[in-house]
Amino acid sequence: MIKKFARALSFLAAWMGLLTVIRFPSRTVGRLMYGEILGKSPVMLAIGRFLGMICAASILLPKVLADIGSPFVAILGGIGALLGLLSGDKQAASGGVIGAALLGRHLRRVTASHDGFDRAFGPGWESRIPPDLQPRLAPGRWQFPASEPPPAIPGWQRNVVFGAHPGTGEPLLCDVWQPPAGVQRTGVAVIYLHGTLWQALDKDFLTRSFFRRLAGQGHLVMDVAYSLVPRTDLRGITREVKRAIAWLKANAACYCINPERVVLIGSSGGGHLALLAAYTPNYPDFQPANLAADTSVRGVVSLYGPTDLTVFFDEYGKIDARQPEYSTEITDDMRPRVFNRSIYDRVITTLRILPAYRYHNMPVGPLVLIDALGGTLKEVPEAYRLHSPISHIGSHCPPTLQIFGAHDFFVDPEHGRRLHLALVEAGVPSVLVELPGVDHGFDINPFRRLSPAAQVAEYDIERFLALMA
C-alpha cells in the first residue's frame, strides 16, 4: 500500500515536472484540438475533434496546473521519494526526486528577479513610486502562501453604459471597480480588455481577485465588454476601446481619477487591442464617429498579446490548418453555425462564455482572422498591417509592459521581443518579461493567487501602475 502511494505521488510530480520543461509545438496542439489526426472526412473529423479535445486538454490543462501547483506537487514528490526510500521502491524514489527537482527549478526560474524596470526607467526607479503607495504593493515576487486581496470590498458598479453599438444601438457595458473607503486614490484608471481572440468570453471572467488588489491599492478599474467578432470587426472593436477611453476621461471628476493617468491592460486578444489603441492616439481610422476627445493613454500592459498580425496569420494557420489562403476556398462547414436552441445553448450564449455563433462549438475557428479583418492576408495585407501594433511604433508611444510565457503555444513570444526592440529603438520605456516554462493564459484561472506565474505577473503590473501614478 505504501509503495503504491509513494509511486502515485512520485509519478505525479515527475509528470508535472516534465510538463514545465516540454514546449508543445503549435501545429501539434492545433491538430489535436481540431481533430485532423484521423483524417478530414466528416465522420473522422467529428470523432477526431472529440478525441482531440480530450488529448489537448490532457496536455494543456496539466501544464497550467503544473505551474499553479508547482510548490505543492514538489512537496508531494519529496514525500513520494522519501516513502520510496523507506519502502525500498527505487522507481518511486527516483521519480519523486526528479519531479521535485524539476518543479523546484520551475519555481526558481519563474520567480527570479529581472532588470527590465532598471533598463526602461533607470536605476532607482522604485524611489519614484509614491511613498504612501509602496506599503500596499505585494512585498515579493512570490509568496507562499499568497497574500489575499484586501478584505474590504471596493465599490463595484456592474453593467455601466459607456456607449452604444453603432450598428444596432445596443448599449456598450462595463464594470467599474473603485477603491474602498479609506484607501487613498492614486488617480490611475485601468481599462481592462479580456482575451480569447476577440470572439468569446466577457468582462468579469476570473479577474475579481486581480481587480480587488488594484482597487485596494487606490486604482480605479474599468472592465470592458467589447463587441465580439463576427458581430463587428477589429476596427469596430478598437473604436469601442477608444470610446471607453474618452468616456472614462469625460467622467474623471465623477470617479476621482486623473484623465492623464489612464492605463490599458489586456490579455491575449485583449492585449493586442490594448497595444493597438495605445499606439494610435486620435488616429482617424480608429477614432469613433463624432468623437473629438483625446484618446491618448499614460501606459499600456499586454499579457501575451500578438503584435504583428501579418505574422500571426501564418502562425494561426499552423494551429488551425483549415484557415484558407483565399476567401474563395471557404466552405460551408467553416462558416459560423448558430447554436441557440437548447437550454444549455441559451445559458452558454447568454453568459458569453461562448458566443451564439460558435465555430464548431469552440471559441476559435478557421475564419476568425478573416472575419476580423475582412479577408485573408493575401487579399487585404494592408488591413493586417494597419491593425498590427508594431506598425505604429514611434516616440509617441506610451511606456509599455509585456509579459509572455516562454512556452506559449498560441502567441509566439517573438511577438513581444520584436515589439520590445522597436520600442527601445524609438526611445520608449519598454519592459519585456518572459516566464520560463509557462504557457498561454497562465493568469486566467480560479487559482491565480496560488500560481507563481500569475503572482509574478501581478507583481510587475503593480510596479508598472505605481510608476504611472
Protein backbone atom coordinates (compact mmCIF):
# COMPACT_ATOMS: atom_id res chain seq x y z
CA MET A 1 0.00 0.00 0.00
CA ILE A 2 2.83 2.38 0.91
CA LYS A 3 4.63 1.55 -2.33
CA LYS A 4 1.54 2.33 -4.41
CA PHE A 5 1.02 5.61 -2.57
CA ALA A 6 4.69 6.53 -2.99
CA ARG A 7 4.58 5.76 -6.71
CA ALA A 8 1.40 7.80 -7.19
CA LEU A 9 2.95 10.85 -5.55
CA SER A 10 6.30 10.43 -7.29
CA PHE A 11 4.94 9.83 -10.78
CA LEU A 12 2.53 12.76 -10.43
CA ALA A 13 5.43 15.03 -9.50
CA ALA A 14 7.61 13.64 -12.31
CA TRP A 15 4.85 14.15 -14.92
CA MET A 16 4.10 17.70 -13.73
CA GLY A 17 7.82 18.46 -13.64
CA LEU A 18 8.34 17.25 -17.21
CA LEU A 19 5.47 19.48 -18.36
CA THR A 20 7.37 22.55 -17.15
CA VAL A 21 10.24 21.59 -19.45
CA ILE A 22 8.40 20.46 -22.59
CA ARG A 23 7.14 23.05 -25.07
CA PHE A 24 4.41 21.65 -27.30
CA PRO A 25 4.56 22.87 -30.94
CA SER A 26 1.60 24.96 -32.10
CA ARG A 27 0.86 22.66 -35.02
CA THR A 28 0.75 19.58 -32.80
CA VAL A 29 -1.63 21.17 -30.31
CA GLY A 30 -3.73 22.63 -33.12
CA ARG A 31 -4.08 19.33 -34.96
CA LEU A 32 -5.13 17.70 -31.71
CA MET A 33 -7.66 20.43 -30.94
CA TYR A 34 -9.22 20.30 -34.39
CA GLY A 35 -9.10 16.55 -34.73
CA GLU A 36 -7.26 16.31 -38.03
CA ILE A 37 -5.09 13.43 -36.89
CA LEU A 38 -7.63 10.82 -38.07
CA GLY A 39 -8.42 12.42 -41.42
CA LYS A 40 -10.60 15.13 -42.97
CA SER A 41 -13.79 13.26 -43.80
CA PRO A 42 -16.85 14.48 -41.84
CA VAL A 43 -17.05 11.33 -39.73
CA MET A 44 -13.32 11.22 -38.99
CA LEU A 45 -13.30 14.95 -38.20
CA ALA A 46 -16.18 14.56 -35.76
CA ILE A 47 -14.51 11.65 -33.99
CA GLY A 48 -11.13 13.31 -34.20
CA ARG A 49 -12.36 16.57 -32.71
CA PHE A 50 -13.92 14.77 -29.77
CA LEU A 51 -10.79 12.72 -29.09
CA GLY A 52 -8.56 15.67 -29.93
CA MET A 53 -10.16 17.90 -27.35
CA ILE A 54 -9.57 15.22 -24.72
CA CYS A 55 -5.93 14.87 -25.80
CA ALA A 56 -5.36 18.64 -25.93
CA ALA A 57 -6.95 19.04 -22.51
CA SER A 58 -4.75 16.28 -21.14
CA ILE A 59 -1.72 18.25 -22.33
CA LEU A 60 -2.65 21.91 -21.81
CA LEU A 61 -4.64 21.68 -18.59
CA PRO A 62 -1.96 19.73 -16.70
CA LYS A 63 0.67 22.18 -17.99
CA VAL A 64 -1.28 25.06 -16.44
CA LEU A 65 -1.81 23.03 -13.28
CA ALA A 66 1.92 22.26 -13.18
CA ASP A 67 2.63 25.96 -12.71
CA ILE A 68 -0.24 26.56 -10.30
CA GLY A 69 0.66 23.58 -8.12
CA SER A 70 4.44 23.52 -8.56
CA PRO A 71 5.27 24.26 -4.88
CA PHE A 72 2.66 21.81 -3.59
CA VAL A 73 3.39 18.99 -6.04
CA ALA A 74 7.14 19.42 -5.44
CA ILE A 75 6.48 18.73 -1.76
CA LEU A 76 4.37 15.70 -2.70
CA GLY A 77 7.21 14.49 -4.91
CA GLY A 78 9.59 14.80 -1.98
CA ILE A 79 7.21 12.81 0.21
CA GLY A 80 6.90 10.17 -2.52
CA ALA A 81 10.68 9.96 -2.81
CA LEU A 82 11.05 9.55 0.96
CA LEU A 83 8.38 6.86 1.12
CA GLY A 84 10.03 5.14 -1.82
CA LEU A 85 13.36 5.05 0.01
CA LEU A 86 11.75 3.73 3.19
CA SER A 87 9.85 1.04 1.30
CA GLY A 88 12.75 0.11 -0.95
CA ASP A 89 10.98 1.24 -4.15
CA LYS A 90 13.72 2.71 -6.33
CA GLN A 91 11.32 3.81 -9.05
CA ALA A 92 9.20 5.81 -6.61
CA ALA A 93 12.31 7.29 -5.00
CA SER A 94 13.90 8.36 -8.29
CA GLY A 95 10.61 9.62 -9.75
CA GLY A 96 9.93 11.73 -6.67
CA VAL A 97 13.41 13.22 -6.72
CA ILE A 98 13.19 14.06 -10.43
CA GLY A 99 9.72 15.58 -10.08
CA ALA A 100 10.61 17.66 -7.02
CA ALA A 101 13.82 18.87 -8.69
CA LEU A 102 12.09 19.89 -11.92
CA LEU A 103 9.23 21.64 -10.13
CA GLY A 104 11.67 23.40 -7.80
CA ARG A 105 13.65 24.51 -10.84
CA HIS A 106 10.48 25.85 -12.43
CA LEU A 107 9.54 27.80 -9.32
CA ARG A 108 13.02 29.31 -9.02
CA ARG A 109 13.20 30.36 -12.68
CA VAL A 110 9.69 31.82 -12.87
CA THR A 111 10.05 33.88 -9.70
CA ALA A 112 13.60 35.10 -10.45
CA SER A 113 14.03 38.88 -10.50
CA HIS A 114 14.91 40.75 -13.70
CA ASP A 115 16.38 44.10 -14.68
CA GLY A 116 13.63 45.14 -17.11
CA PHE A 117 12.46 48.07 -15.00
CA ASP A 118 16.03 49.26 -14.47
CA ARG A 119 16.60 49.29 -18.21
CA ALA A 120 13.31 51.02 -19.01
CA PHE A 121 13.05 53.55 -16.19
CA GLY A 122 16.63 53.81 -14.94
CA PRO A 123 18.33 52.72 -11.70
CA GLY A 124 16.47 53.76 -8.59
CA TRP A 125 13.09 53.62 -10.32
CA GLU A 126 11.47 52.30 -7.14
CA SER A 127 12.12 55.62 -5.42
CA ARG A 128 9.70 57.20 -7.92
CA ILE A 129 6.79 55.17 -6.52
CA PRO A 130 4.70 57.38 -4.20
CA PRO A 131 5.72 56.59 -0.59
CA ASP A 132 2.10 56.11 0.54
CA LEU A 133 1.54 53.54 -2.23
CA GLN A 134 4.58 51.36 -1.57
CA PRO A 135 3.17 49.57 1.53
CA ARG A 136 0.11 48.48 -0.48
CA LEU A 137 2.13 46.64 -3.12
CA ALA A 138 2.95 42.95 -2.94
CA PRO A 139 6.12 42.60 -0.81
CA GLY A 140 7.69 39.94 -3.03
CA ARG A 141 7.50 38.40 -6.48
CA TRP A 142 6.12 35.20 -4.97
CA GLN A 143 4.64 34.44 -1.59
CA PHE A 144 3.80 31.12 -0.01
CA PRO A 145 1.06 31.21 0.98
CA ALA A 146 -0.04 34.02 -1.31
CA SER A 147 -1.35 37.21 0.23
CA GLU A 148 -5.04 37.71 -0.34
CA PRO A 149 -6.64 40.89 -1.75
CA PRO A 150 -7.76 43.46 0.83
CA PRO A 151 -10.80 42.16 2.73
CA ALA A 152 -12.71 45.41 2.21
CA ILE A 153 -14.84 45.10 -0.92
CA PRO A 154 -14.38 48.15 -3.15
CA GLY A 155 -17.23 49.93 -4.85
CA TRP A 156 -18.29 47.69 -7.74
CA GLN A 157 -20.71 49.07 -10.31
CA ARG A 158 -21.97 46.46 -12.75
CA ASN A 159 -23.21 46.98 -16.31
CA VAL A 160 -22.42 50.68 -16.57
CA VAL A 161 -23.24 52.03 -20.04
CA PHE A 162 -20.32 53.83 -21.71
CA GLY A 163 -21.61 53.99 -25.29
CA ALA A 164 -23.72 52.29 -27.93
CA HIS A 165 -23.02 49.85 -30.74
CA PRO A 166 -23.07 51.97 -33.94
CA GLY A 167 -24.91 49.31 -35.94
CA THR A 168 -27.58 48.12 -33.54
CA GLY A 169 -27.70 50.86 -30.93
CA GLU A 170 -27.31 48.25 -28.17
CA PRO A 171 -25.53 49.60 -25.08
CA LEU A 172 -21.83 49.00 -24.56
CA LEU A 173 -21.30 47.85 -20.99
CA CYS A 174 -18.51 47.84 -18.44
CA ASP A 175 -17.99 47.18 -14.76
CA VAL A 176 -16.31 49.84 -12.64
CA TRP A 177 -14.25 48.92 -9.58
CA GLN A 178 -13.46 51.78 -7.20
CA PRO A 179 -11.10 51.83 -4.22
CA PRO A 180 -12.73 51.02 -0.87
CA ALA A 181 -13.42 53.78 1.64
CA GLY A 182 -10.33 54.91 3.48
CA VAL A 183 -7.88 53.99 0.70
CA GLN A 184 -6.08 56.97 -0.79
CA ARG A 185 -6.68 57.15 -4.53
CA THR A 186 -3.74 57.23 -6.91
CA GLY A 187 -5.60 58.90 -9.77
CA VAL A 188 -4.66 55.95 -12.01
CA ALA A 189 -7.52 54.42 -14.02
CA VAL A 190 -7.12 50.98 -15.61
CA ILE A 191 -9.16 49.92 -18.63
CA TYR A 192 -9.11 46.11 -18.82
CA LEU A 193 -9.77 44.17 -22.05
CA HIS A 194 -10.40 40.42 -21.80
CA GLY A 195 -8.87 37.86 -24.15
CA THR A 196 -9.97 34.87 -26.30
CA LEU A 197 -9.08 36.21 -29.73
CA TRP A 198 -11.77 38.93 -29.94
CA GLN A 199 -14.65 36.48 -30.31
CA ALA A 200 -15.59 34.97 -26.96
CA LEU A 201 -15.85 35.48 -23.20
CA ASP A 202 -16.88 38.62 -21.38
CA LYS A 203 -15.98 41.07 -18.68
CA ASP A 204 -15.74 39.75 -15.13
CA PHE A 205 -14.17 36.42 -16.11
CA LEU A 206 -11.81 35.10 -13.40
CA THR A 207 -10.42 38.59 -12.72
CA ARG A 208 -12.12 39.62 -9.48
CA SER A 209 -9.17 38.95 -7.18
CA PHE A 210 -6.90 40.90 -9.54
CA PHE A 211 -9.27 43.87 -9.67
CA ARG A 212 -9.72 43.81 -5.90
CA ARG A 213 -5.97 44.07 -5.48
CA LEU A 214 -5.69 47.01 -7.88
CA ALA A 215 -8.65 48.79 -6.32
CA GLY A 216 -7.20 48.13 -2.87
CA GLN A 217 -4.05 49.97 -3.98
CA GLY A 218 -6.08 53.05 -4.90
CA HIS A 219 -6.57 52.48 -8.63
CA LEU A 220 -9.88 52.51 -10.49
CA VAL A 221 -10.62 49.63 -12.87
CA MET A 222 -12.97 49.77 -15.88
CA ASP A 223 -13.66 46.22 -17.09
CA VAL A 224 -14.95 46.50 -20.67
CA ALA A 225 -17.30 44.11 -22.50
CA TYR A 226 -16.43 44.96 -26.09
CA SER A 227 -18.38 43.61 -29.07
CA LEU A 228 -17.19 40.31 -30.48
CA VAL A 229 -16.21 39.07 -33.93
CA PRO A 230 -18.06 38.43 -36.25
CA ARG A 231 -20.70 40.83 -34.92
CA THR A 232 -18.10 43.52 -35.61
CA ASP A 233 -14.54 43.62 -36.90
CA LEU A 234 -11.24 44.66 -35.37
CA ARG A 235 -11.67 48.26 -36.45
CA GLY A 236 -15.06 48.38 -34.74
CA ILE A 237 -13.67 46.85 -31.55
CA THR A 238 -10.76 49.29 -31.49
CA ARG A 239 -13.18 52.17 -31.83
CA GLU A 240 -15.10 50.83 -28.84
CA VAL A 241 -11.86 50.83 -26.83
CA LYS A 242 -11.29 54.45 -27.87
CA ARG A 243 -14.83 55.28 -26.79
CA ALA A 244 -14.13 53.69 -23.42
CA ILE A 245 -11.03 55.88 -23.04
CA ALA A 246 -12.99 59.02 -23.94
CA TRP A 247 -15.88 58.10 -21.62
CA LEU A 248 -13.57 57.48 -18.68
CA LYS A 249 -11.76 60.77 -19.23
CA ALA A 250 -15.08 62.62 -19.52
CA ASN A 251 -16.12 61.14 -16.15
CA ALA A 252 -12.77 61.73 -14.47
CA ALA A 253 -14.17 64.13 -11.89
CA CYS A 254 -17.04 61.79 -11.02
CA TYR A 255 -14.65 58.88 -10.40
CA CYS A 256 -11.87 60.97 -8.81
CA ILE A 257 -9.23 59.98 -11.36
CA ASN A 258 -6.60 61.90 -13.30
CA PRO A 259 -7.53 61.83 -17.02
CA GLU A 260 -3.81 61.90 -17.80
CA ARG A 261 -3.27 58.61 -15.93
CA VAL A 262 -5.37 56.15 -17.93
CA VAL A 263 -3.61 52.80 -18.49
CA LEU A 264 -4.77 50.00 -20.80
CA ILE A 265 -4.33 46.35 -19.76
CA GLY A 266 -5.31 43.33 -21.83
CA SER A 267 -4.60 39.61 -22.16
CA SER A 268 -4.18 37.67 -25.42
CA GLY A 269 -6.53 39.31 -27.96
CA GLY A 270 -7.24 41.98 -25.37
CA GLY A 271 -3.51 42.61 -25.10
CA HIS A 272 -3.41 43.20 -28.84
CA LEU A 273 -6.31 45.67 -28.53
CA ALA A 274 -4.63 47.48 -25.64
CA LEU A 275 -1.40 47.93 -27.61
CA LEU A 276 -3.17 48.98 -30.81
CA ALA A 277 -5.33 51.57 -29.05
CA ALA A 278 -2.40 52.89 -27.02
CA TYR A 279 -0.16 53.35 -30.06
CA THR A 280 -2.80 55.10 -32.23
CA PRO A 281 -3.99 58.07 -30.13
CA ASN A 282 -6.55 60.13 -32.06
CA TYR A 283 -5.82 58.08 -35.20
CA PRO A 284 -8.64 58.90 -37.67
CA ASP A 285 -9.28 55.30 -38.81
CA PHE A 286 -9.80 54.14 -35.22
CA GLN A 287 -11.49 57.20 -33.78
CA PRO A 288 -15.29 56.75 -33.35
CA ALA A 289 -17.53 58.98 -35.43
CA ASN A 290 -18.33 62.35 -33.86
CA LEU A 291 -15.77 61.81 -31.10
CA ALA A 292 -13.34 64.69 -30.73
CA ALA A 293 -11.94 63.67 -27.33
CA ASP A 294 -8.27 62.89 -26.76
CA THR A 295 -7.75 59.11 -26.70
CA SER A 296 -4.09 59.03 -25.65
CA VAL A 297 -3.14 56.97 -22.58
CA ARG A 298 -0.44 57.05 -19.91
CA GLY A 299 0.73 53.46 -20.32
CA VAL A 300 -0.15 50.01 -21.62
CA VAL A 301 0.23 46.42 -20.38
CA SER A 302 -0.11 43.41 -22.67
CA LEU A 303 -0.16 39.84 -21.44
CA TYR A 304 0.80 37.52 -24.31
CA GLY A 305 -0.90 39.66 -26.97
CA PRO A 306 0.00 39.31 -30.70
CA THR A 307 1.78 42.38 -32.05
CA ASP A 308 2.11 41.65 -35.78
CA LEU A 309 -0.98 40.20 -37.48
CA THR A 310 0.86 39.76 -40.79
CA VAL A 311 2.95 37.13 -38.98
CA PHE A 312 0.14 35.86 -36.77
CA PHE A 313 -1.98 34.89 -39.80
CA ASP A 314 0.59 32.25 -40.77
CA GLU A 315 1.12 31.21 -37.15
CA TYR A 316 -2.59 30.75 -36.66
CA GLY A 317 -2.65 28.65 -39.83
CA LYS A 318 -0.39 26.19 -38.04
CA ILE A 319 -2.84 25.97 -35.14
CA ASP A 320 -5.88 25.57 -37.39
CA ALA A 321 -4.76 24.17 -40.75
CA ARG A 322 -8.28 24.76 -42.14
CA GLN A 323 -7.62 28.50 -42.37
CA PRO A 324 -7.81 29.32 -46.11
CA GLU A 325 -5.36 31.47 -48.06
CA TYR A 326 -8.20 32.96 -50.15
CA SER A 327 -11.85 33.64 -49.39
CA THR A 328 -12.85 31.54 -52.42
CA GLU A 329 -11.64 28.48 -50.50
CA ILE A 330 -14.18 28.98 -47.70
CA THR A 331 -16.64 26.10 -47.45
CA ASP A 332 -19.97 25.92 -45.64
CA ASP A 333 -18.57 23.83 -42.81
CA MET A 334 -16.18 26.68 -41.96
CA ARG A 335 -19.00 29.19 -41.54
CA PRO A 336 -20.26 30.09 -38.09
CA ARG A 337 -23.17 27.96 -37.02
CA VAL A 338 -25.80 29.20 -34.59
CA PHE A 339 -26.42 27.00 -31.54
CA ASN A 340 -29.19 28.62 -29.56
CA ARG A 341 -31.95 26.03 -29.32
CA SER A 342 -31.50 24.13 -26.09
CA ILE A 343 -31.48 25.48 -22.54
CA TYR A 344 -27.78 24.68 -22.41
CA ASP A 345 -27.11 26.76 -25.53
CA ARG A 346 -29.08 29.71 -24.22
CA VAL A 347 -27.28 29.68 -20.88
CA ILE A 348 -23.85 29.46 -22.50
CA THR A 349 -24.54 32.18 -25.08
CA THR A 350 -26.24 34.49 -22.58
CA LEU A 351 -23.16 34.34 -20.39
CA ARG A 352 -20.96 34.88 -23.46
CA ILE A 353 -18.74 32.04 -22.32
CA LEU A 354 -19.01 31.08 -25.97
CA PRO A 355 -20.90 33.32 -28.39
CA ALA A 356 -24.00 32.14 -30.26
CA TYR A 357 -22.02 31.95 -33.49
CA ARG A 358 -19.56 29.42 -32.10
CA TYR A 359 -17.18 27.76 -34.52
CA HIS A 360 -17.77 24.03 -34.16
CA ASN A 361 -18.66 24.63 -30.50
CA MET A 362 -15.22 26.17 -29.88
CA PRO A 363 -14.21 29.80 -29.25
CA VAL A 364 -11.84 29.81 -32.22
CA GLY A 365 -12.08 28.70 -35.84
CA PRO A 366 -10.56 28.90 -39.30
CA LEU A 367 -12.26 32.19 -40.22
CA VAL A 368 -11.65 34.27 -37.09
CA LEU A 369 -8.88 36.42 -38.60
CA ILE A 370 -10.68 36.63 -41.93
CA ASP A 371 -13.88 37.82 -40.25
CA ALA A 372 -11.95 40.21 -38.02
CA LEU A 373 -10.04 41.85 -40.87
CA GLY A 374 -12.27 41.45 -43.93
CA GLY A 375 -10.23 38.90 -45.83
CA THR A 376 -7.10 36.77 -45.84
CA LEU A 377 -3.58 38.13 -45.61
CA LYS A 378 -3.08 37.78 -49.36
CA GLU A 379 -6.34 39.63 -50.07
CA VAL A 380 -6.12 42.55 -47.62
CA PRO A 381 -2.48 42.80 -46.48
CA GLU A 382 -2.88 46.49 -45.63
CA ALA A 383 -5.66 45.68 -43.13
CA TYR A 384 -3.35 43.24 -41.34
CA ARG A 385 -0.57 45.83 -41.25
CA LEU A 386 -2.92 48.60 -40.11
CA HIS A 387 -4.22 46.52 -37.20
CA SER A 388 -0.74 45.44 -36.07
CA PRO A 389 0.57 47.42 -33.08
CA ILE A 390 4.13 47.05 -34.33
CA SER A 391 3.19 49.12 -37.42
CA HIS A 392 2.53 52.17 -35.25
CA ILE A 393 5.71 52.33 -33.20
CA GLY A 394 7.11 55.81 -32.63
CA SER A 395 8.30 58.18 -29.94
CA HIS A 396 4.63 58.98 -29.22
CA CYS A 397 4.01 55.50 -27.78
CA PRO A 398 3.43 55.32 -24.01
CA PRO A 399 5.53 53.19 -21.61
CA THR A 400 4.84 49.51 -22.24
CA LEU A 401 4.95 46.32 -20.18
CA GLN A 402 4.66 42.96 -21.93
CA ILE A 403 4.51 39.58 -20.17
CA PHE A 404 4.75 36.28 -22.07
CA GLY A 405 5.02 32.63 -21.18
CA ALA A 406 8.15 31.30 -22.86
CA HIS A 407 6.26 28.10 -23.83
CA ASP A 408 3.21 29.91 -25.27
CA PHE A 409 1.83 27.63 -28.00
CA PHE A 410 -0.73 30.18 -29.23
CA VAL A 411 1.15 33.51 -29.45
CA ASP A 412 4.87 33.14 -30.04
CA PRO A 413 6.91 35.24 -27.55
CA GLU A 414 8.80 36.51 -30.57
CA HIS A 415 5.89 38.95 -30.98
CA GLY A 416 6.90 40.56 -27.71
CA ARG A 417 10.61 40.54 -28.50
CA ARG A 418 10.19 42.32 -31.82
CA LEU A 419 7.88 44.95 -30.35
CA HIS A 420 10.22 45.50 -27.41
CA LEU A 421 13.24 46.09 -29.66
CA ALA A 422 11.25 48.50 -31.83
CA LEU A 423 10.08 50.46 -28.78
CA VAL A 424 13.59 50.69 -27.34
CA GLU A 425 14.89 51.91 -30.69
CA ALA A 426 12.17 54.59 -30.69
CA GLY A 427 13.20 55.69 -27.19
CA VAL A 428 10.04 54.42 -25.48
CA PRO A 429 10.32 52.86 -21.98
CA SER A 430 9.63 49.17 -22.54
CA VAL A 431 9.70 46.16 -20.23
CA LEU A 432 9.52 42.61 -21.62
CA VAL A 433 9.14 39.71 -19.19
CA GLU A 434 9.30 36.08 -20.35
CA LEU A 435 8.31 33.46 -17.80
CA PRO A 436 10.22 30.18 -18.36
CA GLY A 437 8.18 27.00 -18.79
CA VAL A 438 4.85 28.87 -18.81
CA ASP A 439 2.12 28.56 -21.45
CA HIS A 440 -0.71 30.73 -22.74
CA GLY A 441 -3.35 32.04 -20.32
CA PHE A 442 -1.30 31.49 -17.17
CA ASP A 443 -3.06 34.32 -15.32
CA ILE A 444 -6.68 33.38 -16.14
CA ASN A 445 -7.62 30.66 -13.70
CA PRO A 446 -9.58 30.45 -10.43
CA PHE A 447 -6.34 29.75 -8.53
CA ARG A 448 -4.30 32.72 -9.69
CA ARG A 449 -3.31 33.55 -6.08
CA LEU A 450 -1.55 30.17 -5.94
CA SER A 451 0.15 30.34 -9.35
CA PRO A 452 3.78 31.55 -9.26
CA ALA A 453 3.46 32.86 -12.83
CA ALA A 454 0.26 34.78 -12.08
CA GLN A 455 1.76 36.21 -8.88
CA VAL A 456 4.89 37.35 -10.70
CA ALA A 457 2.80 38.98 -13.43
CA GLU A 458 0.71 40.84 -10.85
CA TYR A 459 3.88 41.93 -9.04
CA ASP A 460 5.28 43.54 -12.19
CA ILE A 461 1.92 45.06 -13.18
CA GLU A 462 1.57 46.61 -9.72
CA ARG A 463 5.02 48.25 -10.02
CA PHE A 464 4.28 49.45 -13.53
CA LEU A 465 0.99 51.06 -12.46
CA ALA A 466 2.70 52.62 -9.44
CA LEU A 467 5.18 54.30 -11.78
CA MET A 468 2.29 55.62 -13.87
CA ALA A 469 0.98 57.40 -10.75
